[in-house]
Amino acid sequence: MIDFFATLSPVMQALTATLFTWGMTAIGAALVFTTKTVNQKLMDGMLGFAGGVMIAASFWSLLSPAIEMAETGPFPSWFPAAAGFLLGGFFLWMADKVIPHVHPTSSMKDAEGINPENKRRSTLLVLAITLHNIPEGLAIGVAFGAVAAGFPSATLPAAIALAIGIGIQNFPEGTAVSMPLRRDGMSRRKSFLYGQFSGMVEPISAVIGVLAVTFMTPLLPFALSFAAGAMIFVVVEEVIPGSQENGNRDLASVCLMVGFTVMMILDVAFG
């Protein structure tokens, strides 16, 4: 797989990687064809695992390389990482305030039945997941852009490992969208289409990310840190609270540790 990726342009590398992550979102959404509900313990465990993957990816694949790259720049090595990280979190916080949405985990707990608010809630749910997929696609694009820019701390296996980790955690995101839509009375086909649609933004944001860092190399440490800050904001605001609000705190915490360990192994082994 690495040999195949090495023959592609940076844009095609990022696009191919995020088509995989989009596909994982679609697989998660496809569970709607097998059942109308999902076991809450299973969902909380998957969310915890996803949170662990995102935390590990934020450090090992984004912040750590950003600090190394900044060591040869005009700023103190800590400054791009700190500034980009805070800016990424602030961007997601502002987006949460400006763009109307509902929290996917809250919608998962809504009662069955069709009511006048369902259509609006369904739209807001899709918007929420789509919004939070932007930093994931951006992170993958920036990672492949860093490889193309020739930074020693950025390697192609590490960028591929990041895409694999994000793809794994996209599975429960697809489920978290499609299941509530189906429970609200939407058909299986439409529930699946809306669920997988939330992952469509990742290839788009990945291409934007790789093009941005390719043509503006000095901004790369800031871009990596920005993606990390945005991802951590999603984990803290959505993923961890959602995984623990149904009483399965121990399970969610253990799965988060496992997810972190898996992503760390992927990054260190392939990086």
Protein backbone atom coordinates (compact mmCIF):
# COMPACT_ATOMS: atom_id res chain seq x y z
CA MET A 1 0.00 0.00 0.00
CA ILE A 2 2.83 2.38 0.83
CA ASP A 3 4.49 1.74 -2.55
CA PHE A 4 1.19 2.51 -4.28
CA PHE A 5 0.74 5.76 -2.34
CA ALA A 6 4.29 6.83 -3.12
CA THR A 7 3.48 6.90 -6.83
CA LEU A 8 0.56 9.32 -6.37
CA SER A 9 0.60 13.09 -6.19
CA PRO A 10 0.02 14.64 -2.72
CA VAL A 11 -3.52 15.67 -3.71
CA MET A 12 -4.35 12.14 -4.90
CA GLN A 13 -2.80 10.68 -1.76
CA ALA A 14 -5.00 12.83 0.47
CA LEU A 15 -8.06 12.21 -1.70
CA THR A 16 -7.55 8.44 -1.71
CA ALA A 17 -7.01 8.36 2.05
CA THR A 18 -10.16 10.36 2.78
CA LEU A 19 -12.22 8.28 0.36
CA PHE A 20 -11.32 5.43 2.70
CA THR A 21 -12.39 7.42 5.78
CA TRP A 22 -15.61 8.39 4.00
CA GLY A 23 -16.17 4.72 3.21
CA MET A 24 -15.80 3.83 6.88
CA THR A 25 -18.47 6.42 7.70
CA ALA A 26 -20.71 4.75 5.11
CA ILE A 27 -20.11 1.31 6.63
CA GLY A 28 -21.13 2.64 10.02
CA ALA A 29 -24.23 4.22 8.53
CA ALA A 30 -25.06 0.93 6.77
CA LEU A 31 -25.89 -0.68 10.12
CA VAL A 32 -29.28 0.94 9.66
CA PHE A 33 -30.12 -1.82 7.16
CA THR A 34 -29.74 -4.47 9.85
CA THR A 35 -31.46 -2.88 12.85
CA LYS A 36 -33.45 0.15 13.92
CA THR A 37 -31.54 0.59 17.18
CA VAL A 38 -28.03 -0.10 18.38
CA ASN A 39 -26.94 -1.47 21.73
CA GLN A 40 -26.12 1.52 23.91
CA LYS A 41 -23.11 -0.14 25.53
CA LEU A 42 -21.71 -0.93 22.10
CA MET A 43 -22.23 2.66 20.94
CA ASP A 44 -20.65 4.12 24.09
CA GLY A 45 -17.69 1.78 23.70
CA MET A 46 -17.23 2.77 20.06
CA LEU A 47 -17.44 6.46 20.94
CA GLY A 48 -14.86 6.01 23.69
CA PHE A 49 -12.57 4.18 21.26
CA ALA A 50 -13.03 6.96 18.71
CA GLY A 51 -12.11 9.56 21.32
CA GLY A 52 -8.90 7.70 22.15
CA VAL A 53 -7.93 7.49 18.49
CA MET A 54 -8.51 11.21 17.97
CA ILE A 55 -6.51 12.21 21.08
CA ALA A 56 -3.55 10.04 20.06
CA ALA A 57 -3.69 11.25 16.46
CA SER A 58 -3.77 14.85 17.61
CA PHE A 59 -0.46 14.47 19.43
CA TRP A 60 1.52 11.79 17.60
CA SER A 61 0.49 12.74 14.05
CA LEU A 62 -0.04 16.49 14.35
CA LEU A 63 1.33 18.33 17.39
CA SER A 64 4.62 16.46 17.74
CA PRO A 65 5.59 16.92 14.06
CA ALA A 66 4.52 20.57 14.24
CA ILE A 67 6.89 21.22 17.15
CA GLU A 68 9.76 19.50 15.34
CA MET A 69 9.14 21.51 12.17
CA ALA A 70 9.02 24.77 14.12
CA GLU A 71 12.51 24.23 15.55
CA THR A 72 14.07 25.55 12.33
CA GLY A 73 11.59 28.41 11.91
CA PRO A 74 11.66 32.05 12.98
CA PHE A 75 9.43 31.50 16.03
CA PRO A 76 10.14 29.66 19.29
CA SER A 77 9.41 25.98 18.70
CA TRP A 78 6.42 26.04 21.06
CA PHE A 79 4.71 29.05 19.50
CA PRO A 80 3.24 27.58 16.25
CA ALA A 81 1.94 24.55 18.13
CA ALA A 82 0.37 26.64 20.91
CA ALA A 83 -1.08 29.28 18.60
CA GLY A 84 -2.39 26.82 16.01
CA PHE A 85 -3.85 24.49 18.67
CA LEU A 86 -5.79 27.27 20.39
CA LEU A 87 -6.93 28.72 17.07
CA GLY A 88 -8.25 25.32 15.96
CA GLY A 89 -10.27 24.93 19.13
CA PHE A 90 -11.55 28.49 18.89
CA PHE A 91 -12.60 27.92 15.27
CA LEU A 92 -14.71 24.89 16.19
CA TRP A 93 -16.16 26.71 19.20
CA MET A 94 -17.22 29.62 16.99
CA ALA A 95 -18.61 27.28 14.37
CA ASP A 96 -20.65 25.52 17.06
CA LYS A 97 -22.11 28.88 18.08
CA VAL A 98 -22.82 30.13 14.56
CA ILE A 99 -24.05 26.96 12.80
CA PRO A 100 -27.26 25.50 14.29
CA HIS A 101 -26.89 21.83 15.18
CA VAL A 102 -27.78 19.21 17.75
CA HIS A 103 -25.46 16.84 19.56
CA PRO A 104 -25.53 13.38 17.96
CA THR A 105 -25.37 11.54 21.28
CA SER A 106 -28.44 13.41 22.56
CA SER A 107 -30.35 12.48 19.43
CA MET A 108 -29.40 8.83 19.93
CA LYS A 109 -31.41 8.87 23.17
CA ASP A 110 -34.53 10.50 21.75
CA ALA A 111 -37.71 8.50 21.98
CA GLU A 112 -39.18 6.74 18.98
CA GLY A 113 -41.94 8.33 17.01
CA ILE A 114 -42.54 11.00 14.43
CA ASN A 115 -43.21 14.58 15.52
CA PRO A 116 -43.00 17.98 13.79
CA GLU A 117 -39.51 18.60 15.14
CA ASN A 118 -37.98 15.44 13.67
CA LYS A 119 -37.15 16.81 10.24
CA ARG A 120 -35.42 19.86 11.71
CA ARG A 121 -33.57 17.77 14.27
CA SER A 122 -32.42 15.36 11.57
CA THR A 123 -31.01 18.22 9.51
CA LEU A 124 -29.21 19.68 12.53
CA LEU A 125 -27.78 16.27 13.41
CA VAL A 126 -26.27 15.81 9.94
CA LEU A 127 -24.87 19.36 10.14
CA ALA A 128 -23.22 18.58 13.48
CA ILE A 129 -21.35 15.49 12.27
CA THR A 130 -20.45 17.16 8.98
CA LEU A 131 -19.01 20.16 10.84
CA HIS A 132 -16.92 17.95 13.08
CA ASN A 133 -15.56 15.93 10.14
CA ILE A 134 -13.88 19.02 8.68
CA PRO A 135 -10.83 18.97 11.02
CA GLU A 136 -10.39 15.23 10.42
CA GLY A 137 -10.16 15.70 6.65
CA LEU A 138 -7.96 18.75 7.14
CA ALA A 139 -5.61 16.78 9.37
CA ILE A 140 -5.15 14.08 6.73
CA GLY A 141 -4.59 16.64 3.97
CA VAL A 142 -2.04 18.55 6.03
CA ALA A 143 -0.22 15.31 6.92
CA PHE A 144 0.21 14.35 3.27
CA GLY A 145 1.13 17.94 2.43
CA ALA A 146 3.88 17.80 5.05
CA VAL A 147 5.29 14.68 3.41
CA ALA A 148 5.29 16.40 0.03
CA ALA A 149 7.05 19.42 1.54
CA GLY A 150 9.93 17.13 2.53
CA PHE A 151 9.93 17.63 6.30
CA PRO A 152 11.98 14.87 8.00
CA SER A 153 9.44 14.53 10.81
CA ALA A 154 6.63 13.85 8.31
CA THR A 155 6.59 10.39 6.73
CA LEU A 156 4.23 8.72 4.31
CA PRO A 157 3.59 5.69 6.59
CA ALA A 158 2.66 8.06 9.43
CA ALA A 159 0.19 9.94 7.19
CA ILE A 160 -1.35 6.62 6.12
CA ALA A 161 -1.58 5.51 9.76
CA LEU A 162 -3.40 8.75 10.58
CA ALA A 163 -5.93 8.06 7.83
CA ILE A 164 -6.44 4.50 9.09
CA GLY A 165 -7.00 5.73 12.65
CA ILE A 166 -9.49 8.39 11.59
CA GLY A 167 -11.24 5.85 9.38
CA ILE A 168 -11.67 3.51 12.34
CA GLN A 169 -13.22 6.23 14.47
CA ASN A 170 -15.52 7.31 11.61
CA PHE A 171 -17.43 4.04 11.89
CA PRO A 172 -19.41 5.00 15.02
CA GLU A 173 -19.97 8.51 13.62
CA GLY A 174 -21.87 7.09 10.65
CA THR A 175 -23.94 4.98 13.02
CA ALA A 176 -24.60 7.96 15.29
CA VAL A 177 -26.25 9.77 12.39
CA SER A 178 -28.18 7.03 10.59
CA MET A 179 -29.72 5.34 13.64
CA PRO A 180 -31.51 8.41 15.07
CA LEU A 181 -32.80 9.28 11.58
CA ARG A 182 -34.21 5.79 11.17
CA ARG A 183 -35.76 5.91 14.64
CA ASP A 184 -37.38 9.22 13.75
CA GLY A 185 -39.28 7.48 10.96
CA MET A 186 -37.01 8.06 7.98
CA SER A 187 -36.60 5.16 5.53
CA ARG A 188 -33.53 2.92 5.79
CA ARG A 189 -32.25 4.14 2.43
CA LYS A 190 -32.53 7.83 3.30
CA SER A 191 -31.10 7.26 6.78
CA PHE A 192 -28.08 5.58 5.23
CA LEU A 193 -27.63 8.29 2.59
CA TYR A 194 -27.72 11.07 5.17
CA GLY A 195 -25.38 9.12 7.48
CA GLN A 196 -22.71 8.58 4.86
CA PHE A 197 -23.18 12.10 3.51
CA SER A 198 -21.71 13.46 6.74
CA GLY A 199 -18.33 11.99 5.72
CA MET A 200 -18.32 13.61 2.29
CA VAL A 201 -16.71 16.77 3.66
CA GLU A 202 -13.50 14.92 4.56
CA PRO A 203 -12.16 14.48 0.98
CA ILE A 204 -12.99 18.13 0.27
CA SER A 205 -11.26 19.49 3.36
CA ALA A 206 -8.30 17.13 2.82
CA VAL A 207 -7.66 18.50 -0.68
CA ILE A 208 -7.90 22.05 0.67
CA GLY A 209 -5.44 21.16 3.44
CA VAL A 210 -2.84 19.57 1.18
CA LEU A 211 -3.02 22.41 -1.34
CA ALA A 212 -2.73 25.04 1.39
CA VAL A 213 0.42 23.60 2.95
CA THR A 214 1.98 22.76 -0.42
CA PHE A 215 1.85 26.39 -1.52
CA MET A 216 2.35 27.93 1.92
CA THR A 217 5.00 25.72 3.53
CA PRO A 218 5.88 28.14 6.38
CA LEU A 219 2.31 27.77 7.67
CA LEU A 220 2.60 23.99 8.00
CA PRO A 221 3.34 23.85 11.77
CA PHE A 222 0.37 26.17 12.36
CA ALA A 223 -1.87 24.07 10.09
CA LEU A 224 -0.95 20.79 11.82
CA SER A 225 -1.59 22.33 15.23
CA PHE A 226 -4.85 23.92 14.04
CA ALA A 227 -6.16 20.50 12.98
CA ALA A 228 -5.08 19.04 16.34
CA GLY A 229 -6.86 21.76 18.30
CA ALA A 230 -10.05 21.31 16.30
CA MET A 231 -9.99 17.54 16.83
CA ILE A 232 -9.38 17.82 20.58
CA PHE A 233 -12.28 20.29 20.85
CA VAL A 234 -14.58 17.73 19.21
CA VAL A 235 -13.38 15.00 21.59
CA VAL A 236 -13.87 17.10 24.72
CA GLU A 237 -17.17 18.70 23.70
CA GLU A 238 -18.89 15.77 21.97
CA VAL A 239 -17.22 12.38 22.07
CA ILE A 240 -16.21 11.88 25.71
CA PRO A 241 -19.40 13.38 27.27
CA GLY A 242 -21.55 11.44 24.82
CA SER A 243 -19.81 8.16 25.60
CA GLN A 244 -20.35 8.53 29.35
CA GLU A 245 -23.77 10.13 29.71
CA ASN A 246 -25.63 6.81 29.63
CA GLY A 247 -23.94 5.32 32.68
CA ASN A 248 -21.29 3.27 30.84
CA ARG A 249 -18.39 5.36 32.10
CA ASP A 250 -15.99 2.53 32.91
CA LEU A 251 -16.57 0.86 29.53
CA ALA A 252 -16.16 4.13 27.65
CA SER A 253 -12.98 4.99 29.58
CA VAL A 254 -11.42 1.58 28.92
CA CYS A 255 -12.30 1.78 25.23
CA LEU A 256 -10.78 5.28 25.07
CA MET A 257 -7.53 3.90 26.48
CA VAL A 258 -7.60 1.08 23.94
CA GLY A 259 -8.28 3.51 21.09
CA PHE A 260 -5.40 5.75 22.18
CA THR A 261 -3.06 2.76 22.38
CA VAL A 262 -4.06 1.44 18.95
CA MET A 263 -3.52 4.84 17.29
CA MET A 264 -0.21 5.32 19.12
CA ILE A 265 1.01 1.93 17.94
CA LEU A 266 -0.06 2.68 14.37
CA ASP A 267 1.74 6.02 14.35
CA VAL A 268 4.93 4.88 16.09
CA ALA A 269 5.20 1.59 14.19
CA PHE A 270 4.58 3.15 10.76
CA GLY A 271 6.11 6.54 11.51
